[in-house]
Amino acid sequence: MKVDAPQQAINVLKEIIAEQADQPASVRMYFAGAACSGPSFGLALDEKKDSDVSCVVEDIEFIMDAQEYQEFGDMVIQDMNSGFRVIPEKMKDMQSGCGTCSGCH
């Protein structure tokens, strides 16, 4: 498993982990649903399970369910100025498909 993240995202995640010292220190990337723009992923502090795959980036352990990883592959965290977007690496250059969907407008 591989996670590509800008330094700003790594710094923010390190701050969150430090502030939430009573929570697990692994960052789970999870499938949160799908919409016109493709799959949506979230981040949460969680404990690693036997069914997870993981990788460490600058002392942060990222974890993901092995079946989700098999389906979506390596992940990218993109800086969106007002937050971060988590997407499969193979989709990082794709544009949103929202032009023809009225479901979220």
PDB file of N, CA and C in Angstrom:
ATOM      1  N   MET A   1       0.848  -1.176   0.000  1.00  0.00           N
ATOM      2  CA  MET A   1       0.000   0.000   0.000  1.00  0.00           C
ATOM      3  C   MET A   1       0.894   1.240   0.000  1.00  0.00           C
ATOM      4  N   LYS A   2       0.446   2.266  -0.721  1.00  0.00           N
ATOM      5  CA  LYS A   2       1.182   3.528  -0.801  1.00  0.00           C
ATOM      6  C   LYS A   2       0.209   4.684  -0.607  1.00  0.00           C
ATOM      7  N   VAL A   3       0.637   5.698   0.125  1.00  0.00           N
ATOM      8  CA  VAL A   3      -0.143   6.921   0.311  1.00  0.00           C
ATOM      9  C   VAL A   3       0.747   8.091  -0.070  1.00  0.00           C
ATOM     10  N   ASP A   4       0.261   8.930  -0.983  1.00  0.00           N
ATOM     11  CA  ASP A   4       0.976  10.133  -1.401  1.00  0.00           C
ATOM     12  C   ASP A   4       0.239  11.324  -0.797  1.00  0.00           C
ATOM     13  N   ALA A   5       0.940  12.135  -0.016  1.00  0.00           N
ATOM     14  CA  ALA A   5       0.300  13.272   0.646  1.00  0.00           C
ATOM     15  C   ALA A   5       1.248  14.462   0.673  1.00  0.00           C
ATOM     16  N   PRO A   6       0.714  15.680   0.476  1.00  0.00           N
ATOM     17  CA  PRO A   6       1.559  16.868   0.570  1.00  0.00           C
ATOM     18  C   PRO A   6       2.004  17.089   2.017  1.00  0.00           C
ATOM     19  N   GLN A   7       3.107  17.776   2.194  1.00  0.00           N
ATOM     20  CA  GLN A   7       3.642  18.025   3.534  1.00  0.00           C
ATOM     21  C   GLN A   7       2.615  18.707   4.429  1.00  0.00           C
ATOM     22  N   GLN A   8       1.817  19.616   3.875  1.00  0.00           N
ATOM     23  CA  GLN A   8       0.789  20.310   4.664  1.00  0.00           C
ATOM     24  C   GLN A   8      -0.195  19.313   5.265  1.00  0.00           C
ATOM     25  N   ALA A   9      -0.602  18.311   4.507  1.00  0.00           N
ATOM     26  CA  ALA A   9      -1.530  17.297   5.021  1.00  0.00           C
ATOM     27  C   ALA A   9      -0.872  16.484   6.129  1.00  0.00           C
ATOM     28  N   ILE A  10       0.374  16.111   5.936  1.00  0.00           N
ATOM     29  CA  ILE A  10       1.105  15.357   6.958  1.00  0.00           C
ATOM     30  C   ILE A  10       1.183  16.175   8.244  1.00  0.00           C
ATOM     31  N   ASN A  11       1.501  17.458   8.131  1.00  0.00           N
ATOM     32  CA  ASN A  11       1.599  18.324   9.309  1.00  0.00           C
ATOM     33  C   ASN A  11       0.267  18.427  10.043  1.00  0.00           C
ATOM     34  N   VAL A  12      -0.826  18.600   9.299  1.00  0.00           N
ATOM     35  CA  VAL A  12      -2.153  18.695   9.911  1.00  0.00           C
ATOM     36  C   VAL A  12      -2.513  17.383  10.605  1.00  0.00           C
ATOM     37  N   LEU A  13      -2.259  16.260   9.953  1.00  0.00           N
ATOM     38  CA  LEU A  13      -2.567  14.969  10.566  1.00  0.00           C
ATOM     39  C   LEU A  13      -1.745  14.745  11.833  1.00  0.00           C
ATOM     40  N   LYS A  14      -0.484  15.135  11.831  1.00  0.00           N
ATOM     41  CA  LYS A  14       0.347  15.007  13.037  1.00  0.00           C
ATOM     42  C   LYS A  14      -0.221  15.846  14.179  1.00  0.00           C
ATOM     43  N   GLU A  15      -0.708  17.059  13.863  1.00  0.00           N
ATOM     44  CA  GLU A  15      -1.326  17.914  14.882  1.00  0.00           C
ATOM     45  C   GLU A  15      -2.583  17.266  15.448  1.00  0.00           C
ATOM     46  N   ILE A  16      -3.418  16.713  14.574  1.00  0.00           N
ATOM     47  CA  ILE A  16      -4.656  16.062  15.016  1.00  0.00           C
ATOM     48  C   ILE A  16      -4.342  14.870  15.912  1.00  0.00           C
ATOM     49  N   ILE A  17      -3.390  14.054  15.504  1.00  0.00           N
ATOM     50  CA  ILE A  17      -3.009  12.883  16.302  1.00  0.00           C
ATOM     51  C   ILE A  17      -2.501  13.326  17.676  1.00  0.00           C
ATOM     52  N   ALA A  18      -1.697  14.380  17.725  1.00  0.00           N
ATOM     53  CA  ALA A  18      -1.173  14.880  19.001  1.00  0.00           C
ATOM     54  C   ALA A  18      -2.296  15.417  19.890  1.00  0.00           C
ATOM     55  N   GLU A  19      -3.258  16.128  19.288  1.00  0.00           N
ATOM     56  CA  GLU A  19      -4.379  16.686  20.047  1.00  0.00           C
ATOM     57  C   GLU A  19      -5.323  15.602  20.554  1.00  0.00           C
ATOM     58  N   GLN A  20      -5.393  14.494  19.850  1.00  0.00           N
ATOM     59  CA  GLN A  20      -6.297  13.393  20.205  1.00  0.00           C
ATOM     60  C   GLN A  20      -5.502  12.234  20.812  1.00  0.00           C
ATOM     61  N   ALA A  21      -4.641  12.537  21.744  1.00  0.00           N
ATOM     62  CA  ALA A  21      -3.730  11.535  22.305  1.00  0.00           C
ATOM     63  C   ALA A  21      -4.454  10.359  22.946  1.00  0.00           C
ATOM     64  N   ASP A  22      -5.722  10.536  23.329  1.00  0.00           N
ATOM     65  CA  ASP A  22      -6.484   9.441  23.928  1.00  0.00           C
ATOM     66  C   ASP A  22      -7.130   8.533  22.876  1.00  0.00           C
ATOM     67  N   GLN A  23      -6.971   8.858  21.609  1.00  0.00           N
ATOM     68  CA  GLN A  23      -7.527   8.074  20.505  1.00  0.00           C
ATOM     69  C   GLN A  23      -6.428   7.222  19.870  1.00  0.00           C
ATOM     70  N   PRO A  24      -6.836   6.200  19.086  1.00  0.00           N
ATOM     71  CA  PRO A  24      -5.821   5.434  18.340  1.00  0.00           C
ATOM     72  C   PRO A  24      -5.025   6.372  17.433  1.00  0.00           C
ATOM     73  N   ALA A  25      -3.778   6.016  17.152  1.00  0.00           N
ATOM     74  CA  ALA A  25      -2.893   6.904  16.391  1.00  0.00           C
ATOM     75  C   ALA A  25      -2.798   6.563  14.913  1.00  0.00           C
ATOM     76  N   SER A  26      -3.475   5.504  14.462  1.00  0.00           N
ATOM     77  CA  SER A  26      -3.455   5.166  13.035  1.00  0.00           C
ATOM     78  C   SER A  26      -4.542   5.950  12.314  1.00  0.00           C
ATOM     79  N   VAL A  27      -4.267   6.345  11.067  1.00  0.00           N
ATOM     80  CA  VAL A  27      -5.230   7.096  10.263  1.00  0.00           C
ATOM     81  C   VAL A  27      -5.870   6.135   9.265  1.00  0.00           C
ATOM     82  N   ARG A  28      -7.164   5.879   9.471  1.00  0.00           N
ATOM     83  CA  ARG A  28      -7.899   4.984   8.577  1.00  0.00           C
ATOM     84  C   ARG A  28      -8.425   5.771   7.388  1.00  0.00           C
ATOM     85  N   MET A  29      -8.198   5.237   6.190  1.00  0.00           N
ATOM     86  CA  MET A  29      -8.805   5.753   4.969  1.00  0.00           C
ATOM     87  C   MET A  29      -9.923   4.780   4.627  1.00  0.00           C
ATOM     88  N   TYR A  30     -11.154   5.295   4.515  1.00  0.00           N
ATOM     89  CA  TYR A  30     -12.291   4.396   4.311  1.00  0.00           C
ATOM     90  C   TYR A  30     -13.214   4.908   3.210  1.00  0.00           C
ATOM     91  N   PHE A  31     -13.848   3.957   2.533  1.00  0.00           N
ATOM     92  CA  PHE A  31     -14.816   4.267   1.491  1.00  0.00           C
ATOM     93  C   PHE A  31     -16.065   4.810   2.173  1.00  0.00           C
ATOM     94  N   ALA A  32     -16.477   6.025   1.813  1.00  0.00           N
ATOM     95  CA  ALA A  32     -17.609   6.680   2.460  1.00  0.00           C
ATOM     96  C   ALA A  32     -18.828   6.785   1.551  1.00  0.00           C
ATOM     97  N   GLY A  33     -18.784   6.197   0.364  1.00  0.00           N
ATOM     98  CA  GLY A  33     -19.913   6.246  -0.556  1.00  0.00           C
ATOM     99  C   GLY A  33     -19.481   6.702  -1.936  1.00  0.00           C
ATOM    100  N   ALA A  34     -20.463   6.805  -2.816  1.00  0.00           N
ATOM    101  CA  ALA A  34     -20.170   7.220  -4.190  1.00  0.00           C
ATOM    102  C   ALA A  34     -21.198   8.246  -4.646  1.00  0.00           C
ATOM    103  N   ALA A  35     -20.759   9.123  -5.531  1.00  0.00           N
ATOM    104  CA  ALA A  35     -21.620  10.151  -6.116  1.00  0.00           C
ATOM    105  C   ALA A  35     -21.194  10.335  -7.563  1.00  0.00           C
ATOM    106  N   CYS A  36     -21.707  11.372  -8.202  1.00  0.00           N
ATOM    107  CA  CYS A  36     -21.387  11.643  -9.602  1.00  0.00           C
ATOM    108  C   CYS A  36     -19.885  11.770  -9.836  1.00  0.00           C
ATOM    109  N   SER A  37     -19.190  12.312  -8.850  1.00  0.00           N
ATOM    110  CA  SER A  37     -17.759  12.549  -9.011  1.00  0.00           C
ATOM    111  C   SER A  37     -16.918  11.328  -8.670  1.00  0.00           C
ATOM    112  N   GLY A  38     -17.556  10.208  -8.397  1.00  0.00           N
ATOM    113  CA  GLY A  38     -16.826   8.976  -8.112  1.00  0.00           C
ATOM    114  C   GLY A  38     -16.853   8.617  -6.646  1.00  0.00           C
ATOM    115  N   PRO A  39     -15.976   7.710  -6.245  1.00  0.00           N
ATOM    116  CA  PRO A  39     -15.969   7.272  -4.850  1.00  0.00           C
ATOM    117  C   PRO A  39     -15.511   8.386  -3.915  1.00  0.00           C
ATOM    118  N   SER A  40     -16.080   8.381  -2.724  1.00  0.00           N
ATOM    119  CA  SER A  40     -15.721   9.351  -1.701  1.00  0.00           C
ATOM    120  C   SER A  40     -15.059   8.605  -0.546  1.00  0.00           C
ATOM    121  N   PHE A  41     -13.988   9.166  -0.015  1.00  0.00           N
ATOM    122  CA  PHE A  41     -13.252   8.539   1.077  1.00  0.00           C
ATOM    123  C   PHE A  41     -13.144   9.495   2.247  1.00  0.00           C
ATOM    124  N   GLY A  42     -13.091   8.926   3.429  1.00  0.00           N
ATOM    125  CA  GLY A  42     -12.931   9.708   4.641  1.00  0.00           C
ATOM    126  C   GLY A  42     -11.684   9.279   5.388  1.00  0.00           C
ATOM    127  N   LEU A  43     -11.339  10.063   6.393  1.00  0.00           N
ATOM    128  CA  LEU A  43     -10.207   9.766   7.272  1.00  0.00           C
ATOM    129  C   LEU A  43     -10.716   9.730   8.705  1.00  0.00           C
ATOM    130  N   ALA A  44     -10.203   8.799   9.493  1.00  0.00           N
ATOM    131  CA  ALA A  44     -10.561   8.706  10.907  1.00  0.00           C
ATOM    132  C   ALA A  44      -9.413   8.069  11.671  1.00  0.00           C
ATOM    133  N   LEU A  45      -9.263   8.445  12.925  1.00  0.00           N
ATOM    134  CA  LEU A  45      -8.295   7.774  13.784  1.00  0.00           C
ATOM    135  C   LEU A  45      -8.904   6.445  14.203  1.00  0.00           C
ATOM    136  N   ASP A  46      -8.146   5.373  14.079  1.00  0.00           N
ATOM    137  CA  ASP A  46      -8.685   4.040  14.349  1.00  0.00           C
ATOM    138  C   ASP A  46      -7.543   3.089  14.685  1.00  0.00           C
ATOM    139  N   GLU A  47      -7.910   1.934  15.198  1.00  0.00           N
ATOM    140  CA  GLU A  47      -6.933   0.884  15.465  1.00  0.00           C
ATOM    141  C   GLU A  47      -6.827  -0.034  14.259  1.00  0.00           C
ATOM    142  N   LYS A  48      -5.637  -0.512  14.000  1.00  0.00           N
ATOM    143  CA  LYS A  48      -5.409  -1.435  12.894  1.00  0.00           C
ATOM    144  C   LYS A  48      -6.039  -2.787  13.215  1.00  0.00           C
ATOM    145  N   LYS A  49      -6.737  -3.340  12.223  1.00  0.00           N
ATOM    146  CA  LYS A  49      -7.372  -4.646  12.350  1.00  0.00           C
ATOM    147  C   LYS A  49      -6.577  -5.674  11.550  1.00  0.00           C
ATOM    148  N   ASP A  50      -6.810  -6.943  11.837  1.00  0.00           N
ATOM    149  CA  ASP A  50      -6.122  -8.013  11.110  1.00  0.00           C
ATOM    150  C   ASP A  50      -6.419  -7.962   9.616  1.00  0.00           C
ATOM    151  N   SER A  51      -7.587  -7.423   9.245  1.00  0.00           N
ATOM    152  CA  SER A  51      -7.994  -7.388   7.837  1.00  0.00           C
ATOM    153  C   SER A  51      -7.521  -6.129   7.114  1.00  0.00           C
ATOM    154  N   ASP A  52      -6.654  -5.339   7.734  1.00  0.00           N
ATOM    155  CA  ASP A  52      -6.174  -4.087   7.142  1.00  0.00           C
ATOM    156  C   ASP A  52      -4.807  -4.248   6.484  1.00  0.00           C
ATOM    157  N   VAL A  53      -4.547  -3.359   5.523  1.00  0.00           N
ATOM    158  CA  VAL A  53      -3.202  -3.160   4.992  1.00  0.00           C
ATOM    159  C   VAL A  53      -2.748  -1.796   5.515  1.00  0.00           C
ATOM    160  N   SER A  54      -1.442  -1.561   5.498  1.00  0.00           N
ATOM    161  CA  SER A  54      -0.966  -0.295   6.055  1.00  0.00           C
ATOM    162  C   SER A  54       0.324   0.158   5.390  1.00  0.00           C
ATOM    163  N   CYS A  55       0.638   1.424   5.602  1.00  0.00           N
ATOM    164  CA  CYS A  55       1.940   1.974   5.234  1.00  0.00           C
ATOM    165  C   CYS A  55       2.220   3.134   6.176  1.00  0.00           C
ATOM    166  N   VAL A  56       3.482   3.448   6.341  1.00  0.00           N
ATOM    167  CA  VAL A  56       3.887   4.530   7.232  1.00  0.00           C
ATOM    168  C   VAL A  56       4.514   5.637   6.395  1.00  0.00           C
ATOM    169  N   VAL A  57       4.010   6.856   6.598  1.00  0.00           N
ATOM    170  CA  VAL A  57       4.545   8.042   5.930  1.00  0.00           C
ATOM    171  C   VAL A  57       4.903   9.039   7.028  1.00  0.00           C
ATOM    172  N   GLU A  58       6.173   9.356   7.156  1.00  0.00           N
ATOM    173  CA  GLU A  58       6.658  10.306   8.172  1.00  0.00           C
ATOM    174  C   GLU A  58       6.076  10.010   9.553  1.00  0.00           C
ATOM    175  N   ASP A  59       6.197   8.778   9.987  1.00  0.00           N
ATOM    176  CA  ASP A  59       5.759   8.319  11.311  1.00  0.00           C
ATOM    177  C   ASP A  59       4.244   8.259  11.484  1.00  0.00           C
ATOM    178  N   ILE A  60       3.471   8.450  10.437  1.00  0.00           N
ATOM    179  CA  ILE A  60       2.021   8.282  10.509  1.00  0.00           C
ATOM    180  C   ILE A  60       1.675   6.958   9.845  1.00  0.00           C
ATOM    181  N   GLU A  61       0.964   6.090  10.584  1.00  0.00           N
ATOM    182  CA  GLU A  61       0.523   4.826  10.000  1.00  0.00           C
ATOM    183  C   GLU A  61      -0.850   5.030   9.369  1.00  0.00           C
ATOM    184  N   PHE A  62      -0.925   4.847   8.059  1.00  0.00           N
ATOM    185  CA  PHE A  62      -2.185   4.878   7.337  1.00  0.00           C
ATOM    186  C   PHE A  62      -2.672   3.443   7.207  1.00  0.00           C
ATOM    187  N   ILE A  63      -3.958   3.225   7.465  1.00  0.00           N
ATOM    188  CA  ILE A  63      -4.530   1.885   7.366  1.00  0.00           C
ATOM    189  C   ILE A  63      -5.758   1.919   6.468  1.00  0.00           C
ATOM    190  N   MET A  64      -6.048   0.765   5.862  1.00  0.00           N
ATOM    191  CA  MET A  64      -7.200   0.651   4.969  1.00  0.00           C
ATOM    192  C   MET A  64      -7.620  -0.810   4.930  1.00  0.00           C
ATOM    193  N   ASP A  65      -8.912  -1.043   4.870  1.00  0.00           N
ATOM    194  CA  ASP A  65      -9.413  -2.403   4.747  1.00  0.00           C
ATOM    195  C   ASP A  65      -8.812  -3.042   3.496  1.00  0.00           C
ATOM    196  N   ALA A  66      -8.338  -4.271   3.627  1.00  0.00           N
ATOM    197  CA  ALA A  66      -7.653  -4.940   2.513  1.00  0.00           C
ATOM    198  C   ALA A  66      -8.553  -5.095   1.294  1.00  0.00           C
ATOM    199  N   GLN A  67      -9.852  -5.353   1.501  1.00  0.00           N
ATOM    200  CA  GLN A  67     -10.762  -5.488   0.355  1.00  0.00           C
ATOM    201  C   GLN A  67     -10.955  -4.151  -0.350  1.00  0.00           C
ATOM    202  N   GLU A  68     -11.076  -3.068   0.412  1.00  0.00           N
ATOM    203  CA  GLU A  68     -11.191  -1.743  -0.207  1.00  0.00           C
ATOM    204  C   GLU A  68      -9.904  -1.399  -0.955  1.00  0.00           C
ATOM    205  N   TYR A  69      -8.764  -1.750  -0.370  1.00  0.00           N
ATOM    206  CA  TYR A  69      -7.496  -1.496  -1.047  1.00  0.00           C
ATOM    207  C   TYR A  69      -7.405  -2.287  -2.346  1.00  0.00           C
ATOM    208  N   GLN A  70      -7.863  -3.529  -2.320  1.00  0.00           N
ATOM    209  CA  GLN A  70      -7.830  -4.353  -3.526  1.00  0.00           C
ATOM    210  C   GLN A  70      -8.682  -3.722  -4.624  1.00  0.00           C
ATOM    211  N   GLU A  71      -9.799  -3.114  -4.243  1.00  0.00           N
ATOM    212  CA  GLU A  71     -10.689  -2.490  -5.225  1.00  0.00           C
ATOM    213  C   GLU A  71     -10.173  -1.138  -5.718  1.00  0.00           C
ATOM    214  N   PHE A  72      -9.643  -0.310  -4.808  1.00  0.00           N
ATOM    215  CA  PHE A  72      -9.296   1.068  -5.164  1.00  0.00           C
ATOM    216  C   PHE A  72      -7.801   1.328  -5.325  1.00  0.00           C
ATOM    217  N   GLY A  73      -6.944   0.544  -4.692  1.00  0.00           N
ATOM    218  CA  GLY A  73      -5.500   0.700  -4.847  1.00  0.00           C
ATOM    219  C   GLY A  73      -4.896   1.787  -3.975  1.00  0.00           C
ATOM    220  N   ASP A  74      -3.707   2.238  -4.385  1.00  0.00           N
ATOM    221  CA  ASP A  74      -2.974   3.258  -3.638  1.00  0.00           C
ATOM    222  C   ASP A  74      -3.777   4.553  -3.577  1.00  0.00           C
ATOM    223  N   MET A  75      -3.536   5.345  -2.523  1.00  0.00           N
ATOM    224  CA  MET A  75      -4.342   6.541  -2.288  1.00  0.00           C
ATOM    225  C   MET A  75      -3.502   7.812  -2.354  1.00  0.00           C
ATOM    226  N   VAL A  76      -4.183   8.917  -2.662  1.00  0.00           N
ATOM    227  CA  VAL A  76      -3.569  10.241  -2.732  1.00  0.00           C
ATOM    228  C   VAL A  76      -4.399  11.183  -1.868  1.00  0.00           C
ATOM    229  N   ILE A  77      -3.722  11.986  -1.068  1.00  0.00           N
ATOM    230  CA  ILE A  77      -4.392  13.045  -0.322  1.00  0.00           C
ATOM    231  C   ILE A  77      -4.029  14.347  -1.017  1.00  0.00           C
ATOM    232  N   GLN A  78      -5.047  15.064  -1.509  1.00  0.00           N
ATOM    233  CA  GLN A  78      -4.815  16.313  -2.234  1.00  0.00           C
ATOM    234  C   GLN A  78      -5.218  17.502  -1.371  1.00  0.00           C
ATOM    235  N   ASP A  79      -4.412  18.548  -1.395  1.00  0.00           N
ATOM    236  CA  ASP A  79      -4.708  19.785  -0.685  1.00  0.00           C
ATOM    237  C   ASP A  79      -5.711  20.576  -1.520  1.00  0.00           C
ATOM    238  N   MET A  80      -6.882  20.862  -0.943  1.00  0.00           N
ATOM    239  CA  MET A  80      -7.927  21.591  -1.662  1.00  0.00           C
ATOM    240  C   MET A  80      -8.096  23.011  -1.113  1.00  0.00           C
ATOM    241  N   ASN A  81      -7.078  23.549  -0.448  1.00  0.00           N
ATOM    242  CA  ASN A  81      -7.058  24.888   0.158  1.00  0.00           C
ATOM    243  C   ASN A  81      -7.972  25.007   1.377  1.00  0.00           C
ATOM    244  N   SER A  82      -9.168  24.458   1.323  1.00  0.00           N
ATOM    245  CA  SER A  82     -10.065  24.526   2.480  1.00  0.00           C
ATOM    246  C   SER A  82     -10.191  23.158   3.145  1.00  0.00           C
ATOM    247  N   GLY A  83      -9.305  22.269   2.835  1.00  0.00           N
ATOM    248  CA  GLY A  83      -9.343  20.922   3.388  1.00  0.00           C
ATOM    249  C   GLY A  83      -8.585  19.980   2.472  1.00  0.00           C
ATOM    250  N   PHE A  84      -8.820  18.701   2.664  1.00  0.00           N
ATOM    251  CA  PHE A  84      -8.117  17.695   1.884  1.00  0.00           C
ATOM    252  C   PHE A  84      -9.104  16.738   1.239  1.00  0.00           C
ATOM    253  N   ARG A  85      -8.722  16.215   0.101  1.00  0.00           N
ATOM    254  CA  ARG A  85      -9.526  15.234  -0.629  1.00  0.00           C
ATOM    255  C   ARG A  85      -8.718  13.949  -0.698  1.00  0.00           C
ATOM    256  N   VAL A  86      -9.362  12.838  -0.374  1.00  0.00           N
ATOM    257  CA  VAL A  86      -8.719  11.531  -0.404  1.00  0.00           C
ATOM    258  C   VAL A  86      -9.301  10.762  -1.581  1.00  0.00           C
ATOM    259  N   ILE A  87      -8.433  10.371  -2.520  1.00  0.00           N
ATOM    260  CA  ILE A  87      -8.898   9.673  -3.719  1.00  0.00           C
ATOM    261  C   ILE A  87      -7.922   8.561  -4.092  1.00  0.00           C
ATOM    262  N   PRO A  88      -8.420   7.585  -4.856  1.00  0.00           N
ATOM    263  CA  PRO A  88      -7.493   6.570  -5.375  1.00  0.00           C
ATOM    264  C   PRO A  88      -6.467   7.215  -6.302  1.00  0.00           C
ATOM    265  N   GLU A  89      -5.233   6.765  -6.232  1.00  0.00           N
ATOM    266  CA  GLU A  89      -4.146   7.320  -7.048  1.00  0.00           C
ATOM    267  C   GLU A  89      -4.489   7.295  -8.529  1.00  0.00           C
ATOM    268  N   LYS A  90      -5.145   6.241  -8.976  1.00  0.00           N
ATOM    269  CA  LYS A  90      -5.463   6.129 -10.400  1.00  0.00           C
ATOM    270  C   LYS A  90      -6.510   7.138 -10.854  1.00  0.00           C
ATOM    271  N   MET A  91      -7.164   7.848  -9.914  1.00  0.00           N
ATOM    272  CA  MET A  91      -8.186   8.832 -10.264  1.00  0.00           C
ATOM    273  C   MET A  91      -7.727  10.268 -10.029  1.00  0.00           C
ATOM    274  N   LYS A  92      -6.465  10.485  -9.628  1.00  0.00           N
ATOM    275  CA  LYS A  92      -6.034  11.820  -9.210  1.00  0.00           C
ATOM    276  C   LYS A  92      -6.109  12.870 -10.307  1.00  0.00           C
ATOM    277  N   ASP A  93      -6.045  12.472 -11.563  1.00  0.00           N
ATOM    278  CA  ASP A  93      -6.085  13.442 -12.655  1.00  0.00           C
ATOM    279  C   ASP A  93      -7.456  13.563 -13.305  1.00  0.00           C
ATOM    280  N   MET A  94      -8.434  12.829 -12.789  1.00  0.00           N
ATOM    281  CA  MET A  94      -9.783  12.870 -13.364  1.00  0.00           C
ATOM    282  C   MET A  94     -10.531  14.096 -12.857  1.00  0.00           C
ATOM    283  N   GLN A  95     -11.383  14.637 -13.693  1.00  0.00           N
ATOM    284  CA  GLN A  95     -12.230  15.760 -13.313  1.00  0.00           C
ATOM    285  C   GLN A  95     -13.546  15.229 -12.759  1.00  0.00           C
ATOM    286  N   SER A  96     -14.254  16.060 -12.034  1.00  0.00           N
ATOM    287  CA  SER A  96     -15.553  15.699 -11.487  1.00  0.00           C
ATOM    288  C   SER A  96     -16.531  15.413 -12.609  1.00  0.00           C
ATOM    289  N   GLY A  97     -17.428  14.481 -12.373  1.00  0.00           N
ATOM    290  CA  GLY A  97     -18.444  14.151 -13.362  1.00  0.00           C
ATOM    291  C   GLY A  97     -19.766  14.811 -13.065  1.00  0.00           C
ATOM    292  N   CYS A  98     -19.778  15.863 -12.266  1.00  0.00           N
ATOM    293  CA  CYS A  98     -21.026  16.455 -11.796  1.00  0.00           C
ATOM    294  C   CYS A  98     -21.801  17.216 -12.866  1.00  0.00           C
ATOM    295  N   GLY A  99     -21.258  17.414 -14.031  1.00  0.00           N
ATOM    296  CA  GLY A  99     -21.935  18.215 -15.042  1.00  0.00           C
ATOM    297  C   GLY A  99     -23.271  17.667 -15.493  1.00  0.00           C
ATOM    298  N   THR A 100     -23.483  16.367 -15.413  1.00  0.00           N
ATOM    299  CA  THR A 100     -24.734  15.799 -15.907  1.00  0.00           C
ATOM    300  C   THR A 100     -25.624  15.277 -14.803  1.00  0.00           C
ATOM    301  N   CYS A 101     -25.230  15.418 -13.579  1.00  0.00           N
ATOM    302  CA  CYS A 101     -25.996  14.860 -12.471  1.00  0.00           C
ATOM    303  C   CYS A 101     -26.728  15.969 -11.736  1.00  0.00           C
ATOM    304  N   SER A 102     -27.989  15.763 -11.433  1.00  0.00           N
ATOM    305  CA  SER A 102     -28.727  16.756 -10.656  1.00  0.00           C
ATOM    306  C   SER A 102     -28.958  16.277  -9.232  1.00  0.00           C
ATOM    307  N   GLY A 103     -28.410  15.131  -8.880  1.00  0.00           N
ATOM    308  CA  GLY A 103     -28.653  14.542  -7.570  1.00  0.00           C
ATOM    309  C   GLY A 103     -28.089  15.327  -6.405  1.00  0.00           C
ATOM    310  N   CYS A 104     -27.068  16.127  -6.621  1.00  0.00           N
ATOM    311  CA  CYS A 104     -26.469  16.851  -5.488  1.00  0.00           C
ATOM    312  C   CYS A 104     -26.623  18.362  -5.637  1.00  0.00           C
ATOM    313  N   HIS A 105     -27.496  18.810  -6.501  1.00  0.00           N
ATOM    314  CA  HIS A 105     -27.697  20.255  -6.693  1.00  0.00           C
ATOM    315  C   HIS A 105     -29.018  20.683  -6.113  1.00  0.00           C
TER     316      HIS A 105
END
